[in-house]
Amino acid sequence: MEELDDLTIKLVQEIKKDYPKENYGVLAKKLRDDHNMSITSGQVQRIWHSYGNVVFLDKKKSQNPEQIWKSLINYQKKIKSLDTIQKRATIKINENKPIGIAFTSDWHIGNLGSDYERLLQDTNLMAETKGLFVFTLGDEFDNYIAASPAGGQMEAIAPPSLQKELAIERMEKLKGKLLASLLSCHSSWSLINDDFDFAKYAANHLGILNLGFGGIVTISLNKVNYKFGLRHKYPGGISNPIAMHTKWLQNNEWVDVVANAHYHHPFVGIGAFQGKKVHFIRSGSYKVKDRYGEKLGGYEGIPGCPVVVLFPNKNKILAFDELEKGIEYLNYLRK
C-alpha cells in the first residue's frame, strides 16, 4: 500500500465513524469537499481495512530514504579512505652498491613442527646483513582459530594472540629492511573470523607497504628499475612451479621477478615471458613437520629464503636458492 501520512489515516477513521452506513465513494467525496484532499474510494477502503479503529498516537515517521543513501555513501567513502592496500607501489632505495632481496615466508609460529631455531638464525642473519632487504610472503603464524580447517589446533603450542605477537617481534627485527606485508592463507582466517587484517596491522605498525593478497612492486635502485610480482599463493602446484609462475604472468604482466610461497619447498628458476627473462622465486617453510604433510605421504617442509642480487648501474639479477650463498656473494660485491 502507498505510504500515507498520519493525518490522512486519522481523517478516514473519523469520517467512517461519523457516517458508518455510507459507502466508500460517499466518504471519499466528503473528504475531498471538506478537507480539499485528493483521495479515492479505493484508498479510503484500504485505509479503513488496514487501520480500522487502531490509532497510533505517537508513531515515529520513517526517515527520508534519500538522506539514508547519502549518509551510507559518505560513510563508505570515509571507510575506504582508511584502506592502505596497494596493488602497485614503487620503492626507491638509495644505494650505489648492489643490494640483495631475500624472500621469506611460512614461519608458522605456534605450530609444534616448526623449526624455531632456524627461523631465529635466518631472521637474525637478514637483520645483520648490510644492503639486504626483505619481502615476507605470508603465513608468518599458524593461526588455527574457529574459522580454520579442523585439526590444526591439536598441533598448537602457543595461542593465536601470542603467535601474532611473536610474528610482529620477528618483523620488527627486520625493521628498515622489510618492505611489504601480504595477506595469506593462515592470516586470512582472522580476516574471515573477526575482521582482523594482519597485513594492514603489520604495515601500519612497521611503516611498510600493505599489498593485501598481492601486488606489483617496482624497486628503483640508482637509475635501474626492477619489477616484482608478489603473492603468497597462486593456482598451480608444487610439481610444476614454472607453470604456476607463468600462469601468474599470463594473468598480470611481465615483471623481472615473480615470487610466491605456500608450497613449503623453496625454488629458484629462470624462464621467459613475452621474449624477456623472468626469475621465478618460491620461498620455503619453517614448518618442517605437520599432520597434513604426513597424510600426504611424509611430505615435509624445507626452510629456505632465496635471494636475488640487484645491480645499480645495469639491469642485472643474480638469484640464489640459499640465504647464506646469496649473502656471501652480496658481501663480496659490497666490499
Protein backbone atom coordinates (compact mmCIF):
# COMPACT_ATOMS: atom_id res chain seq x y z
CA MET A 1 0.00 0.00 0.00
CA GLU A 2 1.10 3.56 -0.74
CA GLU A 3 2.70 5.47 2.12
CA LEU A 4 0.14 7.62 3.96
CA ASP A 5 0.59 10.39 6.50
CA ASP A 6 -0.94 10.14 9.93
CA LEU A 7 -3.45 12.98 9.29
CA THR A 8 -4.99 11.18 6.30
CA ILE A 9 -5.40 7.98 8.33
CA LYS A 10 -6.95 9.91 11.19
CA LEU A 11 -9.47 11.73 8.95
CA VAL A 12 -10.56 8.46 7.30
CA GLN A 13 -11.09 6.85 10.73
CA GLU A 14 -13.14 9.83 11.96
CA ILE A 15 -15.39 10.13 8.89
CA LYS A 16 -16.07 6.39 8.88
CA LYS A 17 -17.22 6.60 12.48
CA ASP A 18 -19.39 9.67 11.74
CA TYR A 19 -21.00 8.06 8.69
CA PRO A 20 -20.82 4.31 9.33
CA LYS A 21 -23.52 3.39 6.78
CA GLU A 22 -22.19 5.42 3.85
CA ASN A 23 -20.23 3.68 1.14
CA TYR A 24 -16.57 4.45 0.45
CA GLY A 25 -17.37 6.59 -2.59
CA VAL A 26 -19.50 8.97 -0.48
CA LEU A 27 -16.85 9.10 2.23
CA ALA A 28 -14.12 9.92 -0.32
CA LYS A 29 -16.27 12.75 -1.78
CA LYS A 30 -16.85 14.23 1.70
CA LEU A 31 -13.09 14.17 2.38
CA ARG A 32 -12.39 15.89 -0.94
CA ASP A 33 -15.10 18.54 -0.32
CA ASP A 34 -14.50 19.19 3.38
CA HIS A 35 -10.71 18.88 3.57
CA ASN A 36 -9.60 19.55 -0.01
CA MET A 37 -7.99 16.10 -0.12
CA SER A 38 -7.03 14.13 -3.22
CA ILE A 39 -8.35 10.72 -2.26
CA THR A 40 -10.29 7.92 -3.96
CA SER A 41 -12.87 5.49 -2.67
CA GLY A 42 -10.36 2.68 -3.08
CA GLN A 43 -7.86 4.48 -0.86
CA VAL A 44 -10.49 5.08 1.79
CA GLN A 45 -11.38 1.39 1.73
CA ARG A 46 -7.73 0.25 2.02
CA ILE A 47 -7.06 2.65 4.89
CA TRP A 48 -10.12 1.51 6.83
CA HIS A 49 -9.37 -2.18 6.31
CA SER A 50 -5.73 -1.67 7.31
CA TYR A 51 -6.16 0.59 10.34
CA GLY A 52 -9.83 0.44 11.38
CA ASN A 53 -10.14 1.57 14.96
CA VAL A 54 -6.40 1.48 15.63
CA VAL A 55 -4.95 4.95 16.28
CA PHE A 56 -1.15 5.39 16.66
CA LEU A 57 -0.87 8.45 18.83
CA ASP A 58 2.93 8.82 18.76
CA LYS A 59 4.10 6.72 15.81
CA LYS A 60 7.50 7.80 14.51
CA LYS A 61 7.79 8.87 10.91
CA SER A 62 10.27 6.98 8.75
CA GLN A 63 13.45 8.66 7.57
CA ASN A 64 13.75 10.01 4.07
CA PRO A 65 15.48 7.18 2.11
CA GLU A 66 17.40 9.73 0.03
CA GLN A 67 19.13 11.02 3.15
CA ILE A 68 19.95 7.48 4.24
CA TRP A 69 21.53 6.71 0.85
CA LYS A 70 23.65 9.88 1.07
CA SER A 71 24.79 9.01 4.57
CA LEU A 72 25.62 5.46 3.53
CA ILE A 73 27.69 6.60 0.55
CA ASN A 74 29.55 9.23 2.59
CA TYR A 75 30.33 6.67 5.29
CA GLN A 76 31.56 4.22 2.65
CA LYS A 77 33.95 6.86 1.29
CA LYS A 78 35.28 7.55 4.79
CA ILE A 79 35.91 3.84 5.39
CA LYS A 80 37.66 3.46 2.03
CA SER A 81 39.93 6.37 2.88
CA LEU A 82 41.38 4.19 5.67
CA ASP A 83 42.25 1.41 3.24
CA THR A 84 46.03 1.18 2.76
CA ILE A 85 46.13 -1.73 0.29
CA GLN A 86 48.24 -1.05 -2.80
CA LYS A 87 48.26 -3.28 -5.85
CA ARG A 88 51.13 -1.26 -7.29
CA ALA A 89 53.91 0.57 -5.50
CA THR A 90 57.39 1.94 -6.10
CA ILE A 91 60.20 1.84 -3.56
CA LYS A 92 63.33 3.93 -4.07
CA ILE A 93 66.45 2.52 -2.41
CA ASN A 94 69.31 4.98 -2.17
CA GLU A 95 72.30 2.71 -2.74
CA ASN A 96 75.15 2.88 -5.24
CA LYS A 97 76.26 -0.68 -4.48
CA PRO A 98 74.48 -3.95 -5.33
CA ILE A 99 71.69 -4.90 -2.94
CA GLY A 100 70.02 -8.18 -2.07
CA ILE A 101 66.33 -9.01 -1.76
CA ALA A 102 65.53 -12.02 0.44
CA PHE A 103 62.18 -13.82 0.30
CA THR A 104 60.88 -15.41 3.49
CA SER A 105 57.52 -16.90 4.45
CA ASP A 106 55.66 -19.72 6.14
CA TRP A 107 57.19 -19.31 9.57
CA HIS A 108 54.06 -20.94 11.03
CA ILE A 109 54.81 -19.63 14.50
CA GLY A 110 52.82 -21.58 17.09
CA ASN A 111 52.99 -24.97 15.38
CA LEU A 112 54.68 -27.88 17.12
CA GLY A 113 56.53 -28.87 13.94
CA SER A 114 58.14 -25.51 13.12
CA ASP A 115 61.93 -25.08 13.29
CA TYR A 116 62.19 -22.04 15.54
CA GLU A 117 65.96 -22.20 15.95
CA ARG A 118 66.40 -21.95 12.18
CA LEU A 119 63.82 -19.14 11.99
CA LEU A 120 65.69 -17.06 14.59
CA GLN A 121 69.01 -17.82 12.92
CA ASP A 122 67.80 -16.74 9.47
CA THR A 123 65.93 -13.60 10.56
CA ASN A 124 68.90 -12.50 12.70
CA LEU A 125 71.24 -13.03 9.74
CA MET A 126 68.98 -10.99 7.47
CA ALA A 127 68.76 -8.21 10.06
CA GLU A 128 72.57 -8.05 10.39
CA THR A 129 73.41 -8.04 6.65
CA LYS A 130 74.12 -4.65 5.12
CA GLY A 131 72.45 -3.96 1.81
CA LEU A 132 69.92 -6.80 2.24
CA PHE A 133 66.19 -6.09 2.11
CA VAL A 134 63.29 -8.48 2.70
CA PHE A 135 59.89 -9.42 1.34
CA THR A 136 57.84 -11.61 3.67
CA LEU A 137 55.24 -13.55 1.69
CA GLY A 138 52.80 -14.56 4.41
CA ASP A 139 51.79 -17.35 6.80
CA GLU A 140 54.05 -15.95 9.49
CA PHE A 141 51.88 -17.66 12.15
CA ASP A 142 49.78 -20.83 12.23
CA ASN A 143 46.57 -19.21 13.48
CA TYR A 144 44.23 -22.18 13.81
CA ILE A 145 41.07 -20.48 15.05
CA ALA A 146 37.34 -21.13 14.74
CA ALA A 147 37.15 -20.39 11.02
CA SER A 148 40.18 -22.52 10.11
CA PRO A 149 40.25 -26.16 8.97
CA ALA A 150 39.69 -28.63 11.79
CA GLY A 151 42.61 -30.39 13.41
CA GLY A 152 45.33 -27.77 13.25
CA GLN A 153 44.65 -26.68 16.82
CA MET A 154 45.96 -30.06 18.01
CA GLU A 155 49.48 -29.09 16.91
CA ALA A 156 49.47 -25.63 18.51
CA ILE A 157 52.00 -24.87 21.25
CA ALA A 158 51.04 -21.18 21.55
CA PRO A 159 47.66 -19.40 21.37
CA PRO A 160 46.92 -17.31 18.26
CA SER A 161 47.37 -13.99 20.09
CA LEU A 162 50.91 -14.94 21.14
CA GLN A 163 51.64 -16.24 17.65
CA LYS A 164 50.84 -12.81 16.22
CA GLU A 165 52.96 -11.06 18.85
CA LEU A 166 55.96 -13.25 18.07
CA ALA A 167 55.47 -12.70 14.33
CA ILE A 168 55.49 -8.93 14.85
CA GLU A 169 58.63 -9.27 17.03
CA ARG A 170 60.46 -11.02 14.18
CA MET A 171 59.20 -8.45 11.68
CA GLU A 172 60.35 -5.64 13.97
CA LYS A 173 63.76 -7.32 14.00
CA LEU A 174 63.81 -6.70 10.24
CA LYS A 175 62.62 -3.08 10.50
CA GLY A 176 64.36 -0.88 7.97
CA LYS A 177 64.79 -3.91 5.71
CA LEU A 178 61.26 -5.30 5.49
CA LEU A 179 59.48 -3.73 2.52
CA ALA A 180 55.91 -5.07 2.46
CA SER A 181 53.37 -7.33 4.15
CA LEU A 182 50.94 -9.73 2.49
CA LEU A 183 47.73 -11.48 3.41
CA SER A 184 47.97 -15.25 3.13
CA CYS A 185 46.05 -18.43 3.83
CA HIS A 186 46.51 -18.62 7.59
CA SER A 187 46.35 -14.88 8.30
CA SER A 188 43.17 -14.55 6.22
CA TRP A 189 41.36 -16.84 8.67
CA SER A 190 41.44 -13.90 11.12
CA LEU A 191 40.11 -11.63 8.37
CA ILE A 192 37.18 -14.02 7.85
CA ASN A 193 36.52 -14.79 11.50
CA ASP A 194 36.87 -11.43 13.26
CA ASP A 195 37.79 -8.88 10.56
CA PHE A 196 41.41 -8.57 11.77
CA ASP A 197 43.70 -7.74 8.84
CA PHE A 198 47.22 -8.75 9.90
CA ALA A 199 48.85 -7.38 6.74
CA LYS A 200 47.29 -3.98 7.36
CA TYR A 201 48.24 -4.07 11.04
CA ALA A 202 51.85 -5.02 10.27
CA ALA A 203 52.12 -2.38 7.52
CA ASN A 204 50.81 0.38 9.81
CA HIS A 205 52.92 -0.81 12.75
CA LEU A 206 56.17 -1.06 10.79
CA GLY A 207 55.65 1.68 8.21
CA ILE A 208 55.83 -0.66 5.21
CA LEU A 209 53.63 -1.41 2.19
CA ASN A 210 50.32 -3.25 2.55
CA LEU A 211 49.91 -5.35 -0.60
CA GLY A 212 46.76 -7.14 0.54
CA PHE A 213 46.68 -10.51 -1.21
CA GLY A 214 49.43 -9.44 -3.61
CA GLY A 215 50.69 -6.80 -5.98
CA ILE A 216 53.48 -5.48 -8.16
CA VAL A 217 56.34 -3.56 -6.56
CA THR A 218 58.96 -1.62 -8.52
CA ILE A 219 62.29 -1.17 -6.79
CA SER A 220 64.16 1.86 -8.08
CA LEU A 221 67.90 1.34 -7.48
CA ASN A 222 70.02 4.24 -8.64
CA LYS A 223 68.92 4.55 -12.29
CA VAL A 224 67.62 1.00 -12.73
CA ASN A 225 64.05 -0.21 -12.06
CA TYR A 226 63.25 -3.81 -11.12
CA LYS A 227 59.66 -5.10 -11.07
CA PHE A 228 58.50 -7.77 -8.62
CA GLY A 229 55.22 -9.68 -8.75
CA LEU A 230 54.42 -10.83 -5.20
CA ARG A 231 51.75 -13.12 -3.81
CA HIS A 232 51.53 -15.81 -1.15
CA LYS A 233 49.77 -18.33 -3.34
CA TYR A 234 48.81 -18.70 -6.95
CA PRO A 235 46.86 -21.58 -8.55
CA GLY A 236 49.24 -24.33 -9.54
CA GLY A 237 51.19 -26.82 -7.50
CA ILE A 238 54.49 -27.97 -6.16
CA SER A 239 55.06 -30.37 -9.06
CA ASN A 240 55.40 -27.63 -11.69
CA PRO A 241 56.48 -24.28 -10.22
CA ILE A 242 57.49 -22.91 -13.65
CA ALA A 243 53.94 -23.41 -14.94
CA MET A 244 52.50 -21.81 -11.82
CA HIS A 245 54.66 -18.71 -12.14
CA THR A 246 53.97 -18.47 -15.86
CA LYS A 247 50.25 -18.53 -15.15
CA TRP A 248 50.75 -15.54 -12.82
CA LEU A 249 52.45 -13.68 -15.67
CA GLN A 250 49.67 -14.54 -18.11
CA ASN A 251 47.07 -13.08 -15.74
CA ASN A 252 49.10 -9.99 -14.89
CA GLU A 253 52.07 -8.60 -16.82
CA TRP A 254 55.77 -9.09 -17.32
CA VAL A 255 57.98 -8.50 -14.28
CA ASP A 256 61.64 -9.19 -13.54
CA VAL A 257 60.85 -11.47 -10.61
CA VAL A 258 57.72 -13.49 -9.77
CA ALA A 259 57.74 -14.62 -6.15
CA ASN A 260 55.31 -16.65 -4.09
CA ALA A 261 55.27 -19.13 -1.22
CA HIS A 262 52.70 -21.56 0.23
CA TYR A 263 54.05 -24.89 -1.03
CA HIS A 264 56.77 -25.12 1.66
CA HIS A 265 59.55 -26.04 -0.79
CA PRO A 266 61.96 -23.31 -1.96
CA PHE A 267 62.59 -22.92 -5.67
CA VAL A 268 64.67 -20.68 -7.92
CA GLY A 269 64.42 -20.76 -11.71
CA ILE A 270 64.73 -18.68 -14.84
CA GLY A 271 62.27 -18.55 -17.71
CA ALA A 272 61.00 -16.18 -20.37
CA PHE A 273 57.76 -14.33 -20.96
CA GLN A 274 56.99 -12.13 -23.95
CA GLY A 275 60.60 -12.54 -25.05
CA LYS A 276 62.02 -11.26 -21.75
CA LYS A 277 63.85 -13.07 -18.98
CA VAL A 278 61.94 -13.73 -15.75
CA HIS A 279 63.25 -15.05 -12.44
CA PHE A 280 60.92 -17.44 -10.62
CA ILE A 281 61.21 -17.48 -6.82
CA ARG A 282 59.43 -19.51 -4.18
CA SER A 283 60.33 -19.37 -0.50
CA GLY A 284 60.39 -22.41 1.75
CA SER A 285 58.83 -23.10 5.14
CA TYR A 286 59.98 -23.50 8.72
CA LYS A 287 57.04 -25.81 9.35
CA VAL A 288 59.07 -28.92 8.64
CA LYS A 289 56.55 -31.41 10.01
CA ASP A 290 52.78 -31.40 10.36
CA ARG A 291 49.97 -33.94 10.29
CA TYR A 292 48.62 -32.75 6.97
CA GLY A 293 52.02 -33.28 5.36
CA GLU A 294 52.24 -36.72 6.89
CA LYS A 295 48.82 -37.54 5.46
CA LEU A 296 50.10 -36.60 2.01
CA GLY A 297 52.75 -39.29 2.32
CA GLY A 298 55.51 -37.94 4.54
CA TYR A 299 55.64 -34.52 2.90
CA GLU A 300 57.98 -32.24 4.85
CA GLY A 301 58.57 -28.52 4.65
CA ILE A 302 62.04 -27.27 3.73
CA PRO A 303 63.33 -23.99 5.17
CA GLY A 304 64.67 -21.67 2.53
CA CYS A 305 64.99 -17.93 1.85
CA PRO A 306 66.03 -17.36 -1.77
CA VAL A 307 67.93 -14.16 -2.53
CA VAL A 308 68.19 -12.06 -5.67
CA VAL A 309 71.07 -9.61 -6.05
CA LEU A 310 70.27 -6.40 -7.95
CA PHE A 311 72.87 -4.16 -9.57
CA PRO A 312 72.57 -0.34 -9.51
CA ASN A 313 74.22 0.60 -12.80
CA LYS A 314 72.79 -2.02 -15.15
CA ASN A 315 69.75 -4.27 -15.23
CA LYS A 316 71.28 -7.46 -13.89
CA ILE A 317 69.84 -10.01 -11.47
CA LEU A 318 71.63 -12.95 -9.88
CA ALA A 319 69.46 -15.44 -7.98
CA PHE A 320 70.48 -17.78 -5.17
CA ASP A 321 68.43 -20.61 -3.73
CA GLU A 322 70.03 -20.35 -0.27
CA LEU A 323 70.14 -17.36 2.05
CA GLU A 324 73.76 -17.93 3.09
CA LYS A 325 75.00 -18.19 -0.51
CA GLY A 326 73.19 -15.02 -1.53
CA ILE A 327 74.53 -13.08 1.46
CA GLU A 328 78.08 -14.34 0.91
CA TYR A 329 78.06 -13.10 -2.68
CA LEU A 330 76.37 -9.83 -1.72
CA ASN A 331 79.03 -9.14 0.91
CA TYR A 332 81.74 -9.83 -1.68
CA LEU A 333 80.21 -7.33 -4.13
CA ARG A 334 79.80 -4.62 -1.50
CA LYS A 335 83.40 -4.67 -0.20
